[in-house]
């Protein structure tokens, strides 16, 4: 049997990267080997991946030389950034630049960059329907990714630009899940109006990336959008009601109210939801459920995801 091609995965202990590492390892007779890149190889999650058969390598995206060493000898690399750890578009741009530079130095044959749109193509800074943040962004964690795509093309790295979707995991990790109202009933409060939201499980992003690596060079240079379902807030609340065994009512929150909640990133997320609503067609257009399913036959529906994760959704209030 020929030697397996190494896929080096940044953020391997996170949801996206972990999904990719596990997808590679699940296919014992596949053509790829997983190299899990993490800042802390001694973490419980890193040790778990090692026990499953991944090669675990230490690197930090703030240190380009460490990323070069981690990418050395790899056929492909999966590149992600860590905006919510620092809330800095400039730092995120530096993270992208480091990974692109390292991929070029390693001569990788296929990079996947987990990116998003630069929303300023839809909402220029002069458009006051939503506030401009940090002086030059509308949705900083989108815009900084979109404006960084060029690092890969400038470096000449054969890259697939993967447009991701809203993670259902945000209901667990970001405090966006249902809350108890004054009457004790559960309310799913989101600034989504009646729009449909392209969404999916974060681990399925990694599994779709595995499908992209399988297709190889036919997808380099392409922009691929993925989602599992496009659901309204009311539809998500109805499915949560089924999963949790008690009624969950959807409540559409005004954008300005959400932006004013005061938690770190509230303004960024408030603008994000306004983009989801006011540019619903533009956001959903490149994201195809059918294509995501072709890349990842295990693609979960929201109902399936809830069945596995309902106990992890914190109920606050």
C-alpha atoms as a PDB file:
ATOM      1  CA  UNK A   1       0.000   0.000   0.000  1.00  0.00           C
ATOM      2  CA  UNK A   2       1.316   3.436  -0.907  1.00  0.00           C
ATOM      3  CA  UNK A   3       2.227   5.811   1.897  1.00  0.00           C
ATOM      4  CA  UNK A   4      -0.633   7.995   3.081  1.00  0.00           C
ATOM      5  CA  UNK A   5      -0.641  11.713   2.342  1.00  0.00           C
ATOM      6  CA  UNK A   6      -0.366  13.855   5.459  1.00  0.00           C
ATOM      7  CA  UNK A   7      -3.072  16.440   6.151  1.00  0.00           C
ATOM      8  CA  UNK A   8      -1.865  18.962   8.738  1.00  0.00           C
ATOM      9  CA  UNK A   9      -4.810  20.409  10.660  1.00  0.00           C
ATOM     10  CA  UNK A  10      -4.594  23.735  12.476  1.00  0.00           C
ATOM     11  CA  UNK A  11      -6.925  23.996  15.454  1.00  0.00           C
ATOM     12  CA  UNK A  12      -7.160  20.222  15.681  1.00  0.00           C
ATOM     13  CA  UNK A  13      -8.591  20.291  19.202  1.00  0.00           C
ATOM     14  CA  UNK A  14     -11.400  22.635  18.120  1.00  0.00           C
ATOM     15  CA  UNK A  15     -14.708  21.659  16.527  1.00  0.00           C
ATOM     16  CA  UNK A  16     -13.805  22.216  12.859  1.00  0.00           C
ATOM     17  CA  UNK A  17     -10.289  20.804  13.034  1.00  0.00           C
ATOM     18  CA  UNK A  18     -11.351  17.990  15.325  1.00  0.00           C
ATOM     19  CA  UNK A  19     -14.088  17.030  12.880  1.00  0.00           C
ATOM     20  CA  UNK A  20     -11.517  16.800  10.085  1.00  0.00           C
ATOM     21  CA  UNK A  21      -8.999  14.802  12.119  1.00  0.00           C
ATOM     22  CA  UNK A  22     -11.678  12.321  13.159  1.00  0.00           C
ATOM     23  CA  UNK A  23     -13.008  12.047   9.612  1.00  0.00           C
ATOM     24  CA  UNK A  24      -9.523  11.113   8.386  1.00  0.00           C
ATOM     25  CA  UNK A  25      -8.992   8.632  11.220  1.00  0.00           C
ATOM     26  CA  UNK A  26     -12.445   7.087  10.748  1.00  0.00           C
ATOM     27  CA  UNK A  27     -11.446   6.072   7.225  1.00  0.00           C
ATOM     28  CA  UNK A  28      -8.755   3.584   8.128  1.00  0.00           C
ATOM     29  CA  UNK A  29      -8.234   2.550   4.513  1.00  0.00           C
ATOM     30  CA  UNK A  30      -8.334   6.093   3.158  1.00  0.00           C
ATOM     31  CA  UNK A  31      -5.448   7.857   1.501  1.00  0.00           C
ATOM     32  CA  UNK A  32      -4.728  10.395   4.244  1.00  0.00           C
ATOM     33  CA  UNK A  33      -2.968  10.524   7.610  1.00  0.00           C
ATOM     34  CA  UNK A  34      -3.913  13.161  10.193  1.00  0.00           C
ATOM     35  CA  UNK A  35      -1.355  15.515  11.712  1.00  0.00           C
ATOM     36  CA  UNK A  36      -3.103  17.352  14.540  1.00  0.00           C
ATOM     37  CA  UNK A  37      -1.579  20.771  15.210  1.00  0.00           C
ATOM     38  CA  UNK A  38      -2.170  22.272  18.629  1.00  0.00           C
ATOM     39  CA  UNK A  39      -0.531  24.754  20.958  1.00  0.00           C
ATOM     40  CA  UNK A  40      -0.711  22.255  23.812  1.00  0.00           C
ATOM     41  CA  UNK A  41       0.039  18.632  22.870  1.00  0.00           C
ATOM     42  CA  UNK A  42      -0.451  17.679  26.517  1.00  0.00           C
ATOM     43  CA  UNK A  43      -4.076  18.798  26.666  1.00  0.00           C
ATOM     44  CA  UNK A  44      -6.755  16.158  27.193  1.00  0.00           C
ATOM     45  CA  UNK A  45      -8.166  16.729  23.703  1.00  0.00           C
ATOM     46  CA  UNK A  46      -4.722  16.410  22.088  1.00  0.00           C
ATOM     47  CA  UNK A  47      -4.031  13.190  23.972  1.00  0.00           C
ATOM     48  CA  UNK A  48      -7.405  11.848  22.867  1.00  0.00           C
ATOM     49  CA  UNK A  49      -6.523  12.492  19.204  1.00  0.00           C
ATOM     50  CA  UNK A  50      -3.131  10.834  19.689  1.00  0.00           C
ATOM     51  CA  UNK A  51      -4.839   7.787  21.181  1.00  0.00           C
ATOM     52  CA  UNK A  52      -7.074   7.598  18.113  1.00  0.00           C
ATOM     53  CA  UNK A  53      -4.021   7.504  15.858  1.00  0.00           C
ATOM     54  CA  UNK A  54      -3.269  11.118  14.957  1.00  0.00           C
ATOM     55  CA  UNK A  55       0.255  12.492  14.863  1.00  0.00           C
ATOM     56  CA  UNK A  56       0.138  15.407  17.337  1.00  0.00           C
ATOM     57  CA  UNK A  57       2.468  18.339  16.658  1.00  0.00           C
ATOM     58  CA  UNK A  58       2.962  21.550  18.626  1.00  0.00           C
ATOM     59  CA  UNK A  59       2.756  24.910  16.834  1.00  0.00           C
ATOM     60  CA  UNK A  60       1.387  28.390  17.423  1.00  0.00           C
ATOM     61  CA  UNK A  61      -0.045  30.537  14.614  1.00  0.00           C
ATOM     62  CA  UNK A  62       1.637  33.550  16.218  1.00  0.00           C
ATOM     63  CA  UNK A  63       4.983  31.913  15.422  1.00  0.00           C
ATOM     64  CA  UNK A  64       5.305  31.375  11.679  1.00  0.00           C
ATOM     65  CA  UNK A  65       8.467  29.278  12.045  1.00  0.00           C
ATOM     66  CA  UNK A  66       6.635  26.790  14.264  1.00  0.00           C
ATOM     67  CA  UNK A  67       3.836  26.564  11.676  1.00  0.00           C
ATOM     68  CA  UNK A  68       6.394  25.980   8.899  1.00  0.00           C
ATOM     69  CA  UNK A  69       7.830  23.068  10.883  1.00  0.00           C
ATOM     70  CA  UNK A  70       4.338  21.682  11.528  1.00  0.00           C
ATOM     71  CA  UNK A  71       3.432  21.884   7.816  1.00  0.00           C
ATOM     72  CA  UNK A  72       6.719  20.366   6.618  1.00  0.00           C
ATOM     73  CA  UNK A  73       6.146  17.206   4.584  1.00  0.00           C
ATOM     74  CA  UNK A  74       2.371  17.643   4.466  1.00  0.00           C
ATOM     75  CA  UNK A  75       0.393  17.121   1.275  1.00  0.00           C
ATOM     76  CA  UNK A  76      -2.465  19.297   2.501  1.00  0.00           C
ATOM     77  CA  UNK A  77      -3.194  21.776   5.292  1.00  0.00           C
ATOM     78  CA  UNK A  78      -6.404  22.942   6.924  1.00  0.00           C
ATOM     79  CA  UNK A  79      -6.163  26.545   8.046  1.00  0.00           C
ATOM     80  CA  UNK A  80      -8.346  28.280  10.625  1.00  0.00           C
ATOM     81  CA  UNK A  81      -8.044  31.317  12.884  1.00  0.00           C
ATOM     82  CA  UNK A  82      -8.991  32.139  16.451  1.00  0.00           C
ATOM     83  CA  UNK A  83     -10.794  35.510  16.402  1.00  0.00           C
ATOM     84  CA  UNK A  84     -12.865  34.932  19.540  1.00  0.00           C
ATOM     85  CA  UNK A  85      -9.753  34.434  21.658  1.00  0.00           C
ATOM     86  CA  UNK A  86      -8.532  37.991  21.056  1.00  0.00           C
ATOM     87  CA  UNK A  87     -11.266  39.942  19.174  1.00  0.00           C
ATOM     88  CA  UNK A  88      -8.612  41.556  16.959  1.00  0.00           C
ATOM     89  CA  UNK A  89      -9.061  41.674  13.155  1.00  0.00           C
ATOM     90  CA  UNK A  90      -5.427  42.673  12.789  1.00  0.00           C
ATOM     91  CA  UNK A  91      -4.252  39.705  14.829  1.00  0.00           C
ATOM     92  CA  UNK A  92      -6.530  37.422  12.828  1.00  0.00           C
ATOM     93  CA  UNK A  93      -5.024  38.758   9.606  1.00  0.00           C
ATOM     94  CA  UNK A  94      -1.556  37.986  10.957  1.00  0.00           C
ATOM     95  CA  UNK A  95      -2.706  34.435  11.782  1.00  0.00           C
ATOM     96  CA  UNK A  96      -3.861  33.953   8.192  1.00  0.00           C
ATOM     97  CA  UNK A  97      -0.662  35.432   6.766  1.00  0.00           C
ATOM     98  CA  UNK A  98       1.464  33.102   8.905  1.00  0.00           C
ATOM     99  CA  UNK A  99      -0.412  30.023   7.739  1.00  0.00           C
ATOM    100  CA  UNK A 100      -0.288  31.049   4.077  1.00  0.00           C
ATOM    101  CA  UNK A 101       3.446  31.761   4.317  1.00  0.00           C
ATOM    102  CA  UNK A 102       4.061  28.422   6.025  1.00  0.00           C
ATOM    103  CA  UNK A 103       1.985  26.552   3.427  1.00  0.00           C
ATOM    104  CA  UNK A 104       4.007  28.142   0.630  1.00  0.00           C
ATOM    105  CA  UNK A 105       7.294  27.320   2.347  1.00  0.00           C
ATOM    106  CA  UNK A 106       6.218  23.696   2.810  1.00  0.00           C
ATOM    107  CA  UNK A 107       5.147  23.406  -0.824  1.00  0.00           C
ATOM    108  CA  UNK A 108       1.769  21.929   0.084  1.00  0.00           C
ATOM    109  CA  UNK A 109      -0.352  20.706  -2.798  1.00  0.00           C
ATOM    110  CA  UNK A 110      -3.732  21.644  -1.310  1.00  0.00           C
ATOM    111  CA  UNK A 111      -4.719  24.121   1.399  1.00  0.00           C
ATOM    112  CA  UNK A 112      -8.234  24.677   2.685  1.00  0.00           C
ATOM    113  CA  UNK A 113      -8.794  28.068   4.281  1.00  0.00           C
ATOM    114  CA  UNK A 114     -11.908  28.334   6.486  1.00  0.00           C
ATOM    115  CA  UNK A 115     -13.110  31.789   5.564  1.00  0.00           C
ATOM    116  CA  UNK A 116     -16.169  34.075   5.375  1.00  0.00           C
ATOM    117  CA  UNK A 117     -17.332  36.981   3.264  1.00  0.00           C
ATOM    118  CA  UNK A 118     -16.072  40.519   3.673  1.00  0.00           C
ATOM    119  CA  UNK A 119     -19.484  42.049   4.457  1.00  0.00           C
ATOM    120  CA  UNK A 120     -18.327  45.497   3.372  1.00  0.00           C
ATOM    121  CA  UNK A 121     -19.032  44.451  -0.213  1.00  0.00           C
ATOM    122  CA  UNK A 122     -22.709  44.449   0.843  1.00  0.00           C
ATOM    123  CA  UNK A 123     -22.625  47.167   3.504  1.00  0.00           C
ATOM    124  CA  UNK A 124     -20.006  49.825   2.736  1.00  0.00           C
ATOM    125  CA  UNK A 125     -18.576  51.746   5.668  1.00  0.00           C
ATOM    126  CA  UNK A 126     -20.608  54.745   4.465  1.00  0.00           C
ATOM    127  CA  UNK A 127     -23.837  52.762   4.959  1.00  0.00           C
ATOM    128  CA  UNK A 128     -25.246  53.712   8.358  1.00  0.00           C
ATOM    129  CA  UNK A 129     -27.877  50.987   8.596  1.00  0.00           C
ATOM    130  CA  UNK A 130     -25.485  49.368  11.069  1.00  0.00           C
ATOM    131  CA  UNK A 131     -22.601  50.876  13.043  1.00  0.00           C
ATOM    132  CA  UNK A 132     -19.041  50.759  11.783  1.00  0.00           C
ATOM    133  CA  UNK A 133     -16.908  48.927  14.340  1.00  0.00           C
ATOM    134  CA  UNK A 134     -13.243  49.441  15.229  1.00  0.00           C
ATOM    135  CA  UNK A 135     -13.204  52.283  12.724  1.00  0.00           C
ATOM    136  CA  UNK A 136     -13.180  50.153   9.568  1.00  0.00           C
ATOM    137  CA  UNK A 137     -15.345  47.025   9.858  1.00  0.00           C
ATOM    138  CA  UNK A 138     -19.014  46.136   9.761  1.00  0.00           C
ATOM    139  CA  UNK A 139     -18.748  42.507  10.950  1.00  0.00           C
ATOM    140  CA  UNK A 140     -15.133  42.285  12.128  1.00  0.00           C
ATOM    141  CA  UNK A 141     -14.906  38.486  12.413  1.00  0.00           C
ATOM    142  CA  UNK A 142     -16.266  38.133   8.868  1.00  0.00           C
ATOM    143  CA  UNK A 143     -14.468  41.044   7.268  1.00  0.00           C
ATOM    144  CA  UNK A 144     -11.025  40.184   8.619  1.00  0.00           C
ATOM    145  CA  UNK A 145     -11.285  36.691   7.147  1.00  0.00           C
ATOM    146  CA  UNK A 146     -12.597  37.847   3.788  1.00  0.00           C
ATOM    147  CA  UNK A 147      -9.939  40.522   3.399  1.00  0.00           C
ATOM    148  CA  UNK A 148      -7.250  37.958   4.233  1.00  0.00           C
ATOM    149  CA  UNK A 149      -8.059  35.527   1.402  1.00  0.00           C
ATOM    150  CA  UNK A 150      -5.419  37.204  -0.732  1.00  0.00           C
ATOM    151  CA  UNK A 151      -2.598  35.921   1.486  1.00  0.00           C
ATOM    152  CA  UNK A 152      -3.070  32.448   0.015  1.00  0.00           C
ATOM    153  CA  UNK A 153      -3.379  33.582  -3.598  1.00  0.00           C
ATOM    154  CA  UNK A 154      -0.469  36.020  -3.226  1.00  0.00           C
ATOM    155  CA  UNK A 155       1.685  33.185  -1.863  1.00  0.00           C
ATOM    156  CA  UNK A 156       0.761  30.943  -4.794  1.00  0.00           C
ATOM    157  CA  UNK A 157      -0.713  28.247  -2.538  1.00  0.00           C
ATOM    158  CA  UNK A 158      -3.266  25.937  -4.251  1.00  0.00           C
ATOM    159  CA  UNK A 159      -6.213  26.759  -2.026  1.00  0.00           C
ATOM    160  CA  UNK A 160      -9.900  25.944  -1.639  1.00  0.00           C
ATOM    161  CA  UNK A 161     -11.722  28.815   0.066  1.00  0.00           C
ATOM    162  CA  UNK A 162     -14.342  27.224   2.305  1.00  0.00           C
ATOM    163  CA  UNK A 163     -17.270  29.491   3.186  1.00  0.00           C
ATOM    164  CA  UNK A 164     -18.630  28.192   6.472  1.00  0.00           C
ATOM    165  CA  UNK A 165     -22.012  28.763   8.129  1.00  0.00           C
ATOM    166  CA  UNK A 166     -23.459  29.590  11.547  1.00  0.00           C
ATOM    167  CA  UNK A 167     -22.562  26.835  14.023  1.00  0.00           C
ATOM    168  CA  UNK A 168     -25.315  25.187  16.062  1.00  0.00           C
ATOM    169  CA  UNK A 169     -22.551  24.778  18.639  1.00  0.00           C
ATOM    170  CA  UNK A 170     -23.084  28.496  19.383  1.00  0.00           C
ATOM    171  CA  UNK A 171     -26.184  27.441  21.310  1.00  0.00           C
ATOM    172  CA  UNK A 172     -23.803  25.608  23.652  1.00  0.00           C
ATOM    173  CA  UNK A 173     -20.681  27.744  23.733  1.00  0.00           C
ATOM    174  CA  UNK A 174     -21.817  31.295  22.989  1.00  0.00           C
ATOM    175  CA  UNK A 175     -24.822  31.619  25.290  1.00  0.00           C
ATOM    176  CA  UNK A 176     -27.258  31.854  22.392  1.00  0.00           C
ATOM    177  CA  UNK A 177     -29.464  29.002  23.601  1.00  0.00           C
ATOM    178  CA  UNK A 178     -32.927  29.260  25.171  1.00  0.00           C
ATOM    179  CA  UNK A 179     -33.472  31.264  28.355  1.00  0.00           C
ATOM    180  CA  UNK A 180     -36.187  31.033  30.959  1.00  0.00           C
ATOM    181  CA  UNK A 181     -38.538  34.005  30.916  1.00  0.00           C
ATOM    182  CA  UNK A 182     -40.173  35.559  33.978  1.00  0.00           C
ATOM    183  CA  UNK A 183     -42.996  33.047  33.606  1.00  0.00           C
ATOM    184  CA  UNK A 184     -40.553  30.135  33.571  1.00  0.00           C
ATOM    185  CA  UNK A 185     -41.139  29.333  29.903  1.00  0.00           C
ATOM    186  CA  UNK A 186     -38.216  28.929  27.501  1.00  0.00           C
ATOM    187  CA  UNK A 187     -37.519  31.618  24.939  1.00  0.00           C
ATOM    188  CA  UNK A 188     -35.071  31.462  22.021  1.00  0.00           C
ATOM    189  CA  UNK A 189     -34.240  35.127  21.539  1.00  0.00           C
ATOM    190  CA  UNK A 190     -32.267  35.953  18.390  1.00  0.00           C
ATOM    191  CA  UNK A 191     -32.022  39.033  16.134  1.00  0.00           C
ATOM    192  CA  UNK A 192     -32.991  36.992  13.084  1.00  0.00           C
ATOM    193  CA  UNK A 193     -36.430  38.366  12.188  1.00  0.00           C
ATOM    194  CA  UNK A 194     -38.158  35.888   9.891  1.00  0.00           C
ATOM    195  CA  UNK A 195     -35.042  35.153   7.820  1.00  0.00           C
ATOM    196  CA  UNK A 196     -33.618  31.701   7.199  1.00  0.00           C
ATOM    197  CA  UNK A 197     -30.174  31.112   8.636  1.00  0.00           C
ATOM    198  CA  UNK A 198     -27.677  28.858   6.869  1.00  0.00           C
ATOM    199  CA  UNK A 199     -26.310  26.693   9.647  1.00  0.00           C
ATOM    200  CA  UNK A 200     -24.655  23.382  10.530  1.00  0.00           C
ATOM    201  CA  UNK A 201     -22.712  21.451  13.159  1.00  0.00           C
ATOM    202  CA  UNK A 202     -19.127  22.694  13.439  1.00  0.00           C
ATOM    203  CA  UNK A 203     -17.734  19.158  13.281  1.00  0.00           C
ATOM    204  CA  UNK A 204     -19.461  18.689   9.913  1.00  0.00           C
ATOM    205  CA  UNK A 205     -17.357  21.538   8.526  1.00  0.00           C
ATOM    206  CA  UNK A 206     -14.309  19.366   9.190  1.00  0.00           C
ATOM    207  CA  UNK A 207     -15.971  16.366   7.579  1.00  0.00           C
ATOM    208  CA  UNK A 208     -16.812  18.437   4.492  1.00  0.00           C
ATOM    209  CA  UNK A 209     -13.168  19.525   4.385  1.00  0.00           C
ATOM    210  CA  UNK A 210     -12.207  15.848   4.281  1.00  0.00           C
ATOM    211  CA  UNK A 211     -14.427  15.476   1.221  1.00  0.00           C
ATOM    212  CA  UNK A 212     -12.735  18.466  -0.393  1.00  0.00           C
ATOM    213  CA  UNK A 213      -9.273  16.970   0.164  1.00  0.00           C
ATOM    214  CA  UNK A 214     -10.510  13.774  -1.459  1.00  0.00           C
ATOM    215  CA  UNK A 215     -11.486  15.693  -4.590  1.00  0.00           C
ATOM    216  CA  UNK A 216      -8.038  17.236  -4.711  1.00  0.00           C
ATOM    217  CA  UNK A 217      -6.917  19.664  -7.379  1.00  0.00           C
ATOM    218  CA  UNK A 218     -10.344  19.989  -9.020  1.00  0.00           C
ATOM    219  CA  UNK A 219     -11.344  22.241  -6.098  1.00  0.00           C
ATOM    220  CA  UNK A 220      -8.176  24.327  -5.709  1.00  0.00           C
ATOM    221  CA  UNK A 221      -8.793  27.948  -6.559  1.00  0.00           C
ATOM    222  CA  UNK A 222     -12.523  27.493  -5.925  1.00  0.00           C
ATOM    223  CA  UNK A 223     -14.856  29.057  -3.334  1.00  0.00           C
ATOM    224  CA  UNK A 224     -17.078  26.396  -1.796  1.00  0.00           C
ATOM    225  CA  UNK A 225     -20.036  27.268   0.447  1.00  0.00           C
ATOM    226  CA  UNK A 226     -21.579  24.706   2.793  1.00  0.00           C
ATOM    227  CA  UNK A 227     -24.540  24.442   5.131  1.00  0.00           C
ATOM    228  CA  UNK A 228     -26.721  21.676   6.529  1.00  0.00           C
ATOM    229  CA  UNK A 229     -30.018  23.541   6.625  1.00  0.00           C
ATOM    230  CA  UNK A 230     -31.429  27.037   6.267  1.00  0.00           C
ATOM    231  CA  UNK A 231     -33.827  27.489   9.179  1.00  0.00           C
ATOM    232  CA  UNK A 232     -35.834  30.356  10.637  1.00  0.00           C
ATOM    233  CA  UNK A 233     -35.702  31.153  14.324  1.00  0.00           C
ATOM    234  CA  UNK A 234     -39.216  29.784  14.717  1.00  0.00           C
ATOM    235  CA  UNK A 235     -38.224  26.517  13.025  1.00  0.00           C
ATOM    236  CA  UNK A 236     -35.209  26.144  15.310  1.00  0.00           C
ATOM    237  CA  UNK A 237     -37.346  26.870  18.376  1.00  0.00           C
ATOM    238  CA  UNK A 238     -39.909  24.256  17.283  1.00  0.00           C
ATOM    239  CA  UNK A 239     -37.222  21.599  16.915  1.00  0.00           C
ATOM    240  CA  UNK A 240     -35.717  22.596  20.272  1.00  0.00           C
ATOM    241  CA  UNK A 241     -39.184  22.146  21.796  1.00  0.00           C
ATOM    242  CA  UNK A 242     -39.276  18.560  20.519  1.00  0.00           C
ATOM    243  CA  UNK A 243     -35.744  17.795  21.711  1.00  0.00           C
ATOM    244  CA  UNK A 244     -36.057  19.385  25.151  1.00  0.00           C
ATOM    245  CA  UNK A 245     -39.565  18.103  25.809  1.00  0.00           C
ATOM    246  CA  UNK A 246     -40.942  21.536  26.685  1.00  0.00           C
ATOM    247  CA  UNK A 247     -42.147  24.512  24.648  1.00  0.00           C
ATOM    248  CA  UNK A 248     -39.518  26.922  23.327  1.00  0.00           C
ATOM    249  CA  UNK A 249     -40.876  30.183  21.922  1.00  0.00           C
ATOM    250  CA  UNK A 250     -38.924  32.164  19.345  1.00  0.00           C
ATOM    251  CA  UNK A 251     -38.562  35.871  20.000  1.00  0.00           C
ATOM    252  CA  UNK A 252     -37.112  38.187  17.357  1.00  0.00           C
ATOM    253  CA  UNK A 253     -34.795  40.657  19.100  1.00  0.00           C
ATOM    254  CA  UNK A 254     -34.171  44.079  17.492  1.00  0.00           C
ATOM    255  CA  UNK A 255     -30.620  44.403  16.188  1.00  0.00           C
ATOM    256  CA  UNK A 256     -29.876  47.477  18.308  1.00  0.00           C
ATOM    257  CA  UNK A 257     -31.065  45.727  21.462  1.00  0.00           C
ATOM    258  CA  UNK A 258     -28.742  42.782  20.796  1.00  0.00           C
ATOM    259  CA  UNK A 259     -25.816  45.085  19.983  1.00  0.00           C
ATOM    260  CA  UNK A 260     -26.379  46.789  23.340  1.00  0.00           C
ATOM    261  CA  UNK A 261     -26.259  43.648  25.497  1.00  0.00           C
ATOM    262  CA  UNK A 262     -22.721  44.471  26.528  1.00  0.00           C
ATOM    263  CA  UNK A 263     -21.004  41.085  26.371  1.00  0.00           C
ATOM    264  CA  UNK A 264     -17.709  40.845  24.435  1.00  0.00           C
ATOM    265  CA  UNK A 265     -18.507  40.683  20.718  1.00  0.00           C
ATOM    266  CA  UNK A 266     -22.177  41.755  21.088  1.00  0.00           C
ATOM    267  CA  UNK A 267     -21.873  44.533  18.489  1.00  0.00           C
ATOM    268  CA  UNK A 268     -20.021  42.253  16.062  1.00  0.00           C
ATOM    269  CA  UNK A 269     -22.672  39.531  16.395  1.00  0.00           C
ATOM    270  CA  UNK A 270     -25.518  42.040  16.219  1.00  0.00           C
ATOM    271  CA  UNK A 271     -24.181  43.298  12.897  1.00  0.00           C
ATOM    272  CA  UNK A 272     -23.677  39.706  11.762  1.00  0.00           C
ATOM    273  CA  UNK A 273     -27.323  38.864  12.372  1.00  0.00           C
ATOM    274  CA  UNK A 274     -28.389  42.042  10.561  1.00  0.00           C
ATOM    275  CA  UNK A 275     -26.364  40.877   7.552  1.00  0.00           C
ATOM    276  CA  UNK A 276     -28.019  37.439   7.778  1.00  0.00           C
ATOM    277  CA  UNK A 277     -31.445  39.125   7.634  1.00  0.00           C
ATOM    278  CA  UNK A 278     -30.919  41.966   5.182  1.00  0.00           C
ATOM    279  CA  UNK A 279     -28.669  39.985   2.831  1.00  0.00           C
ATOM    280  CA  UNK A 280     -30.349  36.607   3.295  1.00  0.00           C
ATOM    281  CA  UNK A 281     -30.329  35.696  -0.407  1.00  0.00           C
ATOM    282  CA  UNK A 282     -26.725  36.791  -0.899  1.00  0.00           C
ATOM    283  CA  UNK A 283     -25.529  34.835   2.137  1.00  0.00           C
ATOM    284  CA  UNK A 284     -27.439  31.665   1.301  1.00  0.00           C
ATOM    285  CA  UNK A 285     -26.708  31.673  -2.454  1.00  0.00           C
ATOM    286  CA  UNK A 286     -23.223  30.040  -2.351  1.00  0.00           C
ATOM    287  CA  UNK A 287     -24.059  27.657   0.506  1.00  0.00           C
ATOM    288  CA  UNK A 288     -25.437  24.390  -0.798  1.00  0.00           C
ATOM    289  CA  UNK A 289     -26.856  21.647   1.391  1.00  0.00           C
ATOM    290  CA  UNK A 290     -26.734  19.159  -1.462  1.00  0.00           C
ATOM    291  CA  UNK A 291     -23.076  19.768  -2.162  1.00  0.00           C
ATOM    292  CA  UNK A 292     -22.220  19.629   1.536  1.00  0.00           C
ATOM    293  CA  UNK A 293     -24.018  16.277   1.722  1.00  0.00           C
ATOM    294  CA  UNK A 294     -22.053  15.010  -1.284  1.00  0.00           C
ATOM    295  CA  UNK A 295     -18.795  16.011   0.442  1.00  0.00           C
ATOM    296  CA  UNK A 296     -19.935  14.614   3.781  1.00  0.00           C
ATOM    297  CA  UNK A 297     -22.535  11.833   3.622  1.00  0.00           C
ATOM    298  CA  UNK A 298     -22.771  11.956   7.435  1.00  0.00           C
ATOM    299  CA  UNK A 299     -24.032  15.565   7.363  1.00  0.00           C
ATOM    300  CA  UNK A 300     -26.332  16.073  10.355  1.00  0.00           C
ATOM    301  CA  UNK A 301     -29.699  17.782  10.329  1.00  0.00           C
ATOM    302  CA  UNK A 302     -30.532  20.172  13.173  1.00  0.00           C
ATOM    303  CA  UNK A 303     -32.894  17.568  14.585  1.00  0.00           C
ATOM    304  CA  UNK A 304     -30.145  14.940  14.586  1.00  0.00           C
ATOM    305  CA  UNK A 305     -27.630  17.348  16.104  1.00  0.00           C
ATOM    306  CA  UNK A 306     -30.115  18.233  18.860  1.00  0.00           C
ATOM    307  CA  UNK A 307     -30.673  14.562  19.657  1.00  0.00           C
ATOM    308  CA  UNK A 308     -26.943  14.210  20.376  1.00  0.00           C
ATOM    309  CA  UNK A 309     -26.344  17.578  22.032  1.00  0.00           C
ATOM    310  CA  UNK A 310     -29.532  18.687  23.812  1.00  0.00           C
ATOM    311  CA  UNK A 311     -28.066  17.940  27.242  1.00  0.00           C
ATOM    312  CA  UNK A 312     -25.100  20.217  26.491  1.00  0.00           C
ATOM    313  CA  UNK A 313     -27.231  23.301  25.781  1.00  0.00           C
ATOM    314  CA  UNK A 314     -27.212  25.429  28.960  1.00  0.00           C
ATOM    315  CA  UNK A 315     -30.638  26.762  29.948  1.00  0.00           C
ATOM    316  CA  UNK A 316     -30.121  30.173  31.559  1.00  0.00           C
ATOM    317  CA  UNK A 317     -32.346  32.809  33.077  1.00  0.00           C
END
